[in-house]
C-alpha atoms as a PDB file:
ATOM      1  CA  PRO A   1     116.903  94.406  86.335  1.00  0.00           C
ATOM      2  CA  GLY A   2     117.206  91.467  88.747  1.00  0.00           C
ATOM      3  CA  TRP A   3     120.916  91.998  89.353  1.00  0.00           C
ATOM      4  CA  MET A   4     120.411  95.741  89.860  1.00  0.00           C
ATOM      5  CA  VAL A   5     117.571  95.229  92.329  1.00  0.00           C
ATOM      6  CA  GLU A   6     119.575  92.711  94.356  1.00  0.00           C
ATOM      7  CA  SER A   7     122.554  95.072  94.393  1.00  0.00           C
ATOM      8  CA  VAL A   8     120.501  98.062  95.576  1.00  0.00           C
ATOM      9  CA  LEU A   9     118.810  95.936  98.225  1.00  0.00           C
ATOM     10  CA  GLU A  10     122.158  94.719  99.577  1.00  0.00           C
ATOM     11  CA  GLN A  11     123.462  98.302  99.739  1.00  0.00           C
ATOM     12  CA  GLN A  12     120.417  99.630 101.576  1.00  0.00           C
ATOM     13  CA  CYS A  13     120.374  96.756 104.050  1.00  0.00           C
ATOM     14  CA  ALA A  14     124.041  97.407 104.844  1.00  0.00           C
ATOM     15  CA  ILE A  15     123.285 101.086 105.510  1.00  0.00           C
ATOM     16  CA  TYR A  16     120.002 100.843 107.425  1.00  0.00           C
ATOM     17  CA  THR A  17     119.964  97.255 108.790  1.00  0.00           C
ATOM     18  CA  PRO A  18     116.144  96.954 108.482  1.00  0.00           C
ATOM     19  CA  ARG A  19     114.131  94.023 109.796  1.00  0.00           C
ATOM     20  CA  LYS A  20     112.608  93.679 106.326  1.00  0.00           C
ATOM     21  CA  ALA A  21     113.318  95.223 102.937  1.00  0.00           C
ATOM     22  CA  ILE A  22     111.448  94.592  99.707  1.00  0.00           C
ATOM     23  CA  ILE A  23     111.771  95.883  96.143  1.00  0.00           C
ATOM     24  CA  VAL A  24     109.226  95.233  93.380  1.00  0.00           C
ATOM     25  CA  LEU A  25     110.061  96.596  89.922  1.00  0.00           C
ATOM     26  CA  THR A  26     107.250  96.561  87.348  1.00  0.00           C
ATOM     27  CA  ASP A  27     106.346  97.799  83.896  1.00  0.00           C
ATOM     28  CA  PRO A  28     103.099  99.736  84.519  1.00  0.00           C
ATOM     29  CA  LYS A  29     101.838  99.380  80.939  1.00  0.00           C
ATOM     30  CA  THR A  30     102.010  95.583  80.849  1.00  0.00           C
ATOM     31  CA  GLY A  31     101.923  94.671  84.535  1.00  0.00           C
ATOM     32  CA  SER A  32     105.139  92.701  84.031  1.00  0.00           C
ATOM     33  CA  VAL A  33     107.147  92.117  87.203  1.00  0.00           C
ATOM     34  CA  LEU A  34     110.676  92.813  86.000  1.00  0.00           C
ATOM     35  CA  ALA A  35     112.328  92.072  89.342  1.00  0.00           C
ATOM     36  CA  MET A  36     111.272  91.215  92.881  1.00  0.00           C
ATOM     37  CA  ALA A  37     113.573  90.731  95.845  1.00  0.00           C
ATOM     38  CA  SER A  38     113.417  90.836  99.618  1.00  0.00           C
ATOM     39  CA  ARG A  39     115.480  90.547 102.784  1.00  0.00           C
ATOM     40  CA  PRO A  40     115.588  88.343 104.731  1.00  0.00           C
ATOM     41  CA  HIS A  41     115.541  85.732 101.970  1.00  0.00           C
ATOM     42  CA  TYR A  42     116.470  82.133 101.316  1.00  0.00           C
ATOM     43  CA  GLU A  43     120.188  81.449 100.944  1.00  0.00           C
ATOM     44  CA  ARG A  44     120.349  78.746  98.293  1.00  0.00           C
ATOM     45  CA  ASP A  45     123.964  77.821  98.919  1.00  0.00           C
ATOM     46  CA  ALA A  46     123.545  77.481 102.689  1.00  0.00           C
ATOM     47  CA  ARG A  47     119.945  76.212 102.328  1.00  0.00           C
ATOM     48  CA  THR A  48     118.813  78.389 105.204  1.00  0.00           C
ATOM     49  CA  GLY A  49     116.778  81.534 105.689  1.00  0.00           C
ATOM     50  CA  MET A  50     113.356  82.911 104.848  1.00  0.00           C
ATOM     51  CA  TRP A  51     111.140  80.761 102.653  1.00  0.00           C
ATOM     52  CA  ARG A  52     108.360  83.319 102.269  1.00  0.00           C
ATOM     53  CA  ASN A  53     108.320  85.770  99.372  1.00  0.00           C
ATOM     54  CA  LEU A  54     107.787  88.912 101.453  1.00  0.00           C
ATOM     55  CA  ALA A  55     106.570  90.950  98.493  1.00  0.00           C
ATOM     56  CA  ILE A  56     103.415  88.839  98.264  1.00  0.00           C
ATOM     57  CA  SER A  57     103.104  87.174 101.653  1.00  0.00           C
ATOM     58  CA  ASP A  58     103.654  89.842 104.318  1.00  0.00           C
ATOM     59  CA  PRO A  59     100.966  92.572 104.571  1.00  0.00           C
ATOM     60  CA  TYR A  60     101.823  95.774 106.446  1.00  0.00           C
ATOM     61  CA  GLU A  61     100.247  99.139 107.220  1.00  0.00           C
ATOM     62  CA  PRO A  62     101.123 101.303 104.205  1.00  0.00           C
ATOM     63  CA  GLY A  63     100.825 104.682 105.930  1.00  0.00           C
ATOM     64  CA  SER A  64     100.887 107.767 103.730  1.00  0.00           C
ATOM     65  CA  THR A  65     101.424 105.835 100.483  1.00  0.00           C
ATOM     66  CA  PHE A  66      97.745 104.853 100.834  1.00  0.00           C
ATOM     67  CA  LYS A  67      96.713 108.518 100.545  1.00  0.00           C
ATOM     68  CA  ILE A  68      96.677 107.958  96.796  1.00  0.00           C
ATOM     69  CA  VAL A  69      93.286 106.244  97.311  1.00  0.00           C
ATOM     70  CA  THR A  70      91.797 109.306  99.017  1.00  0.00           C
ATOM     71  CA  LEU A  71      93.177 111.676  96.406  1.00  0.00           C
ATOM     72  CA  CYS A  72      91.993 109.513  93.520  1.00  0.00           C
ATOM     73  CA  ALA A  73      88.467 109.137  94.879  1.00  0.00           C
ATOM     74  CA  ALA A  74      88.090 112.861  95.571  1.00  0.00           C
ATOM     75  CA  LEU A  75      89.376 113.917  92.152  1.00  0.00           C
ATOM     76  CA  ASP A  76      87.574 111.226  90.186  1.00  0.00           C
ATOM     77  CA  LEU A  77      84.206 111.967  91.793  1.00  0.00           C
ATOM     78  CA  GLY A  78      84.641 115.678  91.182  1.00  0.00           C
ATOM     79  CA  LYS A  79      84.606 116.521  94.886  1.00  0.00           C
ATOM     80  CA  VAL A  80      87.832 118.506  94.593  1.00  0.00           C
ATOM     81  CA  GLY A  81      90.323 119.846  92.094  1.00  0.00           C
ATOM     82  CA  LEU A  82      94.050 120.254  92.656  1.00  0.00           C
ATOM     83  CA  ASP A  83      93.414 123.915  93.521  1.00  0.00           C
ATOM     84  CA  THR A  84      90.678 123.250  96.115  1.00  0.00           C
ATOM     85  CA  GLU A  85      91.764 124.557  99.525  1.00  0.00           C
ATOM     86  CA  PHE A  86      91.469 122.894 102.919  1.00  0.00           C
ATOM     87  CA  PHE A  87      92.143 124.503 106.267  1.00  0.00           C
ATOM     88  CA  CYS A  88      94.591 122.213 108.038  1.00  0.00           C
ATOM     89  CA  ASN A  89      94.003 123.616 111.524  1.00  0.00           C
ATOM     90  CA  ASN A  90      97.600 124.675 112.083  1.00  0.00           C
ATOM     91  CA  GLY A  91      98.680 121.089 112.678  1.00  0.00           C
ATOM     92  CA  LEU A  92      96.073 119.846 115.180  1.00  0.00           C
ATOM     93  CA  TYR A  93      92.528 118.682 114.386  1.00  0.00           C
ATOM     94  CA  GLU A  94      89.982 117.165 116.767  1.00  0.00           C
ATOM     95  CA  GLU A  95      86.501 115.662 116.525  1.00  0.00           C
ATOM     96  CA  PRO A  96      85.699 114.899 120.183  1.00  0.00           C
ATOM     97  CA  ALA A  97      82.450 113.071 119.404  1.00  0.00           C
ATOM     98  CA  LEU A  98      84.350 110.467 117.340  1.00  0.00           C
ATOM     99  CA  LYS A  99      87.504 110.617 119.481  1.00  0.00           C
ATOM    100  CA  VAL A 100      89.408 111.716 116.384  1.00  0.00           C
ATOM    101  CA  ARG A 101      92.646 113.585 117.015  1.00  0.00           C
ATOM    102  CA  LEU A 102      94.988 114.182 114.093  1.00  0.00           C
ATOM    103  CA  ARG A 103      98.349 115.892 113.926  1.00  0.00           C
ATOM    104  CA  ASP A 104     100.536 116.985 111.034  1.00  0.00           C
ATOM    105  CA  ASP A 105     104.325 117.005 111.099  1.00  0.00           C
ATOM    106  CA  GLU A 106     104.198 120.670 110.104  1.00  0.00           C
ATOM    107  CA  SER A 107     101.816 123.462 111.095  1.00  0.00           C
ATOM    108  CA  PHE A 108      99.718 124.366 108.065  1.00  0.00           C
ATOM    109  CA  GLY A 109      96.850 126.801 107.645  1.00  0.00           C
ATOM    110  CA  SER A 110      95.125 126.572 104.259  1.00  0.00           C
ATOM    111  CA  LEU A 111      96.597 124.200 101.685  1.00  0.00           C
ATOM    112  CA  ARG A 112      95.592 123.422  98.116  1.00  0.00           C
ATOM    113  CA  VAL A 113      94.830 119.750  97.441  1.00  0.00           C
ATOM    114  CA  GLU A 114      98.057 119.445  95.488  1.00  0.00           C
ATOM    115  CA  ASP A 115      99.954 120.700  98.547  1.00  0.00           C
ATOM    116  CA  VAL A 116      97.949 118.541 100.960  1.00  0.00           C
ATOM    117  CA  PHE A 117      99.304 115.576  99.011  1.00  0.00           C
ATOM    118  CA  ALA A 118     102.812 116.970  98.539  1.00  0.00           C
ATOM    119  CA  HIS A 119     103.201 117.715 102.276  1.00  0.00           C
ATOM    120  CA  SER A 120     101.295 114.550 103.260  1.00  0.00           C
ATOM    121  CA  SER A 121      98.902 116.417 105.542  1.00  0.00           C
ATOM    122  CA  ASN A 122      96.872 113.950 107.602  1.00  0.00           C
ATOM    123  CA  ILE A 123      94.315 116.618 108.434  1.00  0.00           C
ATOM    124  CA  GLY A 124      93.807 117.750 104.857  1.00  0.00           C
ATOM    125  CA  THR A 125      93.602 114.144 103.665  1.00  0.00           C
ATOM    126  CA  TYR A 126      90.908 113.257 106.203  1.00  0.00           C
ATOM    127  CA  LYS A 127      88.859 116.317 105.296  1.00  0.00           C
ATOM    128  CA  MET A 128      89.132 115.270 101.661  1.00  0.00           C
ATOM    129  CA  ALA A 129      88.027 111.727 102.558  1.00  0.00           C
ATOM    130  CA  LYS A 130      84.973 113.072 104.380  1.00  0.00           C
ATOM    131  CA  MET A 131      83.906 114.823 101.194  1.00  0.00           C
ATOM    132  CA  VAL A 132      84.170 111.466  99.387  1.00  0.00           C
ATOM    133  CA  GLY A 133      82.228 109.526 102.038  1.00  0.00           C
ATOM    134  CA  SER A 134      83.006 106.141 103.536  1.00  0.00           C
ATOM    135  CA  ASP A 135      81.172 104.006 100.951  1.00  0.00           C
ATOM    136  CA  ASP A 136      82.881 105.559  97.949  1.00  0.00           C
ATOM    137  CA  PHE A 137      86.229 105.566  99.745  1.00  0.00           C
ATOM    138  CA  LEU A 138      85.975 101.814 100.291  1.00  0.00           C
ATOM    139  CA  ALA A 139      84.839 101.287  96.699  1.00  0.00           C
ATOM    140  CA  TYR A 140      87.958 103.015  95.369  1.00  0.00           C
ATOM    141  CA  ALA A 141      90.239 101.129  97.770  1.00  0.00           C
ATOM    142  CA  TRP A 142      88.739  97.899  96.388  1.00  0.00           C
ATOM    143  CA  ARG A 143      89.160  99.092  92.797  1.00  0.00           C
ATOM    144  CA  PHE A 144      92.846  99.674  93.476  1.00  0.00           C
ATOM    145  CA  GLY A 145      93.083  95.978  94.370  1.00  0.00           C
ATOM    146  CA  PHE A 146      93.461  96.218  98.137  1.00  0.00           C
ATOM    147  CA  GLY A 147      91.919  93.539 100.345  1.00  0.00           C
ATOM    148  CA  GLN A 148      92.215  90.893  97.618  1.00  0.00           C
ATOM    149  CA  ASN A 149      94.872  88.766  95.950  1.00  0.00           C
ATOM    150  CA  THR A 150      96.447  90.192  92.804  1.00  0.00           C
ATOM    151  CA  GLY A 151      96.408  86.790  91.106  1.00  0.00           C
ATOM    152  CA  ILE A 152     100.145  86.855  90.493  1.00  0.00           C
ATOM    153  CA  GLY A 153     100.192  83.062  90.353  1.00  0.00           C
ATOM    154  CA  LEU A 154     102.784  82.444  93.073  1.00  0.00           C
ATOM    155  CA  LYS A 155     102.191  80.413  96.208  1.00  0.00           C
ATOM    156  CA  GLY A 156     101.694  82.138  99.526  1.00  0.00           C
ATOM    157  CA  GLU A 157     100.039  85.359  98.345  1.00  0.00           C
ATOM    158  CA  LYS A 158      98.019  87.147 101.030  1.00  0.00           C
ATOM    159  CA  PRO A 159      95.122  89.556 100.361  1.00  0.00           C
ATOM    160  CA  GLY A 160      95.973  92.030 103.108  1.00  0.00           C
ATOM    161  CA  TYR A 161      93.136  93.570 105.098  1.00  0.00           C
ATOM    162  CA  LEU A 162      90.527  96.117 104.071  1.00  0.00           C
ATOM    163  CA  ASN A 163      88.170  96.915 106.947  1.00  0.00           C
ATOM    164  CA  ILE A 164      84.719  96.947 105.349  1.00  0.00           C
ATOM    165  CA  ASP A 165      82.295  96.837 108.270  1.00  0.00           C
ATOM    166  CA  LYS A 166      84.067  96.763 111.652  1.00  0.00           C
ATOM    167  CA  TRP A 167      84.525 100.490 112.033  1.00  0.00           C
ATOM    168  CA  THR A 168      84.944 102.578 115.171  1.00  0.00           C
ATOM    169  CA  GLY A 169      84.738 106.369 115.351  1.00  0.00           C
ATOM    170  CA  THR A 170      88.413 106.722 114.445  1.00  0.00           C
ATOM    171  CA  THR A 171      88.563 104.149 111.622  1.00  0.00           C
ATOM    172  CA  PHE A 172      87.771 106.471 108.716  1.00  0.00           C
ATOM    173  CA  SER A 173      90.346 109.056 109.750  1.00  0.00           C
ATOM    174  CA  ARG A 174      92.996 106.343 110.139  1.00  0.00           C
ATOM    175  CA  MET A 175      92.230 104.530 106.884  1.00  0.00           C
ATOM    176  CA  ALA A 176      92.299 107.762 104.883  1.00  0.00           C
ATOM    177  CA  MET A 177      95.987 108.084 105.771  1.00  0.00           C
ATOM    178  CA  GLY A 178      96.920 104.403 105.518  1.00  0.00           C
ATOM    179  CA  TYR A 179      96.335 102.907 108.956  1.00  0.00           C
ATOM    180  CA  GLU A 180      93.854 100.237 110.110  1.00  0.00           C
ATOM    181  CA  VAL A 181      94.459  98.728 106.658  1.00  0.00           C
ATOM    182  CA  SER A 182      97.173  96.367 105.437  1.00  0.00           C
ATOM    183  CA  VAL A 183      98.616  95.788 101.969  1.00  0.00           C
ATOM    184  CA  THR A 184     101.361  93.754 100.350  1.00  0.00           C
ATOM    185  CA  PRO A 185     104.218  95.328  98.377  1.00  0.00           C
ATOM    186  CA  ILE A 186     102.958  93.745  95.144  1.00  0.00           C
ATOM    187  CA  GLN A 187      99.489  95.265  95.701  1.00  0.00           C
ATOM    188  CA  LEU A 188     100.936  98.721  96.251  1.00  0.00           C
ATOM    189  CA  ALA A 189     103.272  98.438  93.257  1.00  0.00           C
ATOM    190  CA  MET A 190     100.375  97.469  90.974  1.00  0.00           C
ATOM    191  CA  ALA A 191      98.124 100.191  92.421  1.00  0.00           C
ATOM    192  CA  VAL A 192     100.630 102.981  91.835  1.00  0.00           C
ATOM    193  CA  GLY A 193     101.465 101.458  88.461  1.00  0.00           C
ATOM    194  CA  ALA A 194      97.806 101.833  87.510  1.00  0.00           C
ATOM    195  CA  ILE A 195      98.085 105.596  87.941  1.00  0.00           C
ATOM    196  CA  ALA A 196     101.119 105.599  85.636  1.00  0.00           C
ATOM    197  CA  ASN A 197      99.043 103.509  83.208  1.00  0.00           C
ATOM    198  CA  GLY A 198      96.216 106.001  82.756  1.00  0.00           C
ATOM    199  CA  GLY A 199      94.111 104.568  85.584  1.00  0.00           C
ATOM    200  CA  VAL A 200      94.099 100.979  84.269  1.00  0.00           C
ATOM    201  CA  LEU A 201      94.957  98.290  86.843  1.00  0.00           C
ATOM    202  CA  MET A 202      96.955  95.422  85.343  1.00  0.00           C
ATOM    203  CA  LYS A 203      97.291  91.864  86.575  1.00  0.00           C
ATOM    204  CA  PRO A 204     100.888  91.225  87.661  1.00  0.00           C
ATOM    205  CA  ARG A 205     102.667  89.203  84.972  1.00  0.00           C
ATOM    206  CA  ILE A 206     105.647  86.998  85.777  1.00  0.00           C
ATOM    207  CA  VAL A 207     105.779  84.889  82.584  1.00  0.00           C
ATOM    208  CA  ASP A 208     106.103  86.459  79.130  1.00  0.00           C
ATOM    209  CA  ARG A 209     106.206  83.246  77.115  1.00  0.00           C
ATOM    210  CA  VAL A 210     106.925  79.542  77.308  1.00  0.00           C
ATOM    211  CA  VAL A 211     109.791  78.374  75.097  1.00  0.00           C
ATOM    212  CA  SER A 212     110.666  74.837  73.998  1.00  0.00           C
ATOM    213  CA  ALA A 213     114.116  73.297  74.394  1.00  0.00           C
ATOM    214  CA  ASP A 214     115.018  74.253  70.808  1.00  0.00           C
ATOM    215  CA  GLY A 215     114.102  77.899  71.437  1.00  0.00           C
ATOM    216  CA  ASN A 216     110.723  78.051  69.715  1.00  0.00           C
ATOM    217  CA  ASP A 217     107.804  79.830  71.378  1.00  0.00           C
ATOM    218  CA  VAL A 218     105.226  77.360  72.654  1.00  0.00           C
ATOM    219  CA  ARG A 219     102.889  79.845  74.253  1.00  0.00           C
ATOM    220  CA  THR A 220     102.785  83.604  74.752  1.00  0.00           C
ATOM    221  CA  LEU A 221     101.029  85.141  77.736  1.00  0.00           C
ATOM    222  CA  ALA A 222      99.667  88.561  76.851  1.00  0.00           C
ATOM    223  CA  PRO A 223      99.324  91.415  79.377  1.00  0.00           C
ATOM    224  CA  GLU A 224      95.958  91.305  81.146  1.00  0.00           C
ATOM    225  CA  GLN A 225      93.923  94.339  82.167  1.00  0.00           C
ATOM    226  CA  LYS A 226      91.829  93.975  85.310  1.00  0.00           C
ATOM    227  CA  HIS A 227      89.746  97.166  85.128  1.00  0.00           C
ATOM    228  CA  GLN A 228      89.777 100.957  84.962  1.00  0.00           C
ATOM    229  CA  ILE A 229      90.190 102.418  88.459  1.00  0.00           C
ATOM    230  CA  CYS A 230      89.568 106.017  87.497  1.00  0.00           C
ATOM    231  CA  LYS A 231      89.318 108.330  84.515  1.00  0.00           C
ATOM    232  CA  ALA A 232      92.521 108.860  82.529  1.00  0.00           C
ATOM    233  CA  ARG A 233      92.274 112.570  83.339  1.00  0.00           C
ATOM    234  CA  THR A 234      92.189 111.774  87.055  1.00  0.00           C
ATOM    235  CA  ALA A 235      95.336 109.674  86.693  1.00  0.00           C
ATOM    236  CA  GLU A 236      97.067 112.603  84.987  1.00  0.00           C
ATOM    237  CA  LEU A 237      96.141 114.935  87.846  1.00  0.00           C
ATOM    238  CA  ILE A 238      97.436 112.442  90.411  1.00  0.00           C
ATOM    239  CA  LYS A 239     100.722 112.127  88.520  1.00  0.00           C
ATOM    240  CA  GLN A 240     100.992 115.914  88.586  1.00  0.00           C
ATOM    241  CA  ALA A 241     100.489 115.876  92.358  1.00  0.00           C
ATOM    242  CA  MET A 242     102.982 113.029  92.810  1.00  0.00           C
ATOM    243  CA  MET A 243     105.651 115.053  91.025  1.00  0.00           C
ATOM    244  CA  ARG A 244     105.383 117.557  93.885  1.00  0.00           C
ATOM    245  CA  VAL A 245     106.108 115.029  96.630  1.00  0.00           C
END
């Protein structure tokens, strides 16, 4: 897996010349990190380059990938089903009192929740978040592991930023679609992996076992569950929605 990840990363960097590029490959059932690579990185031969492990040390605004939190909270609390419809205001939504102004890339009328997620409608996502409420929304974001270290056991891990109490009128609408919040690639990989794992968030695992010089196992490190984010049924519904994206 490591060689493949490095190869793909080199190819994509050659095509798109990004400022940063990160890949984290995990096994959702065990939390094992099978491969992790980033660019820029440290060139061992030249002994120059980036010392930081960007996958754990560099938080960023996740954007629409964070909409999984909104969807999960709404489904898990029974506020919506995949067939629940939201009017998406033909692409422009305003709440003047809160100075909220949201646009969608496409002009949609009514969309089912499944389609709100598939088309990444900002308007539909915010309306869904309002049904959840700010307190429960934050609770689910925390359950997913955002705003806190994963405990991966590597130096330099950052917790990202989850705005708990310094909200303005626009904060809720922005957070629901992945802005005014920051995450690390390892956090996001583990969060999405939890959905693949029936709603169970795993601790990232980088060591399987310790072996002596003669090849005998000295110690085995078992996979470690952190907690259940949502019901297994909710995770199945989210996977169904993700297949539409």
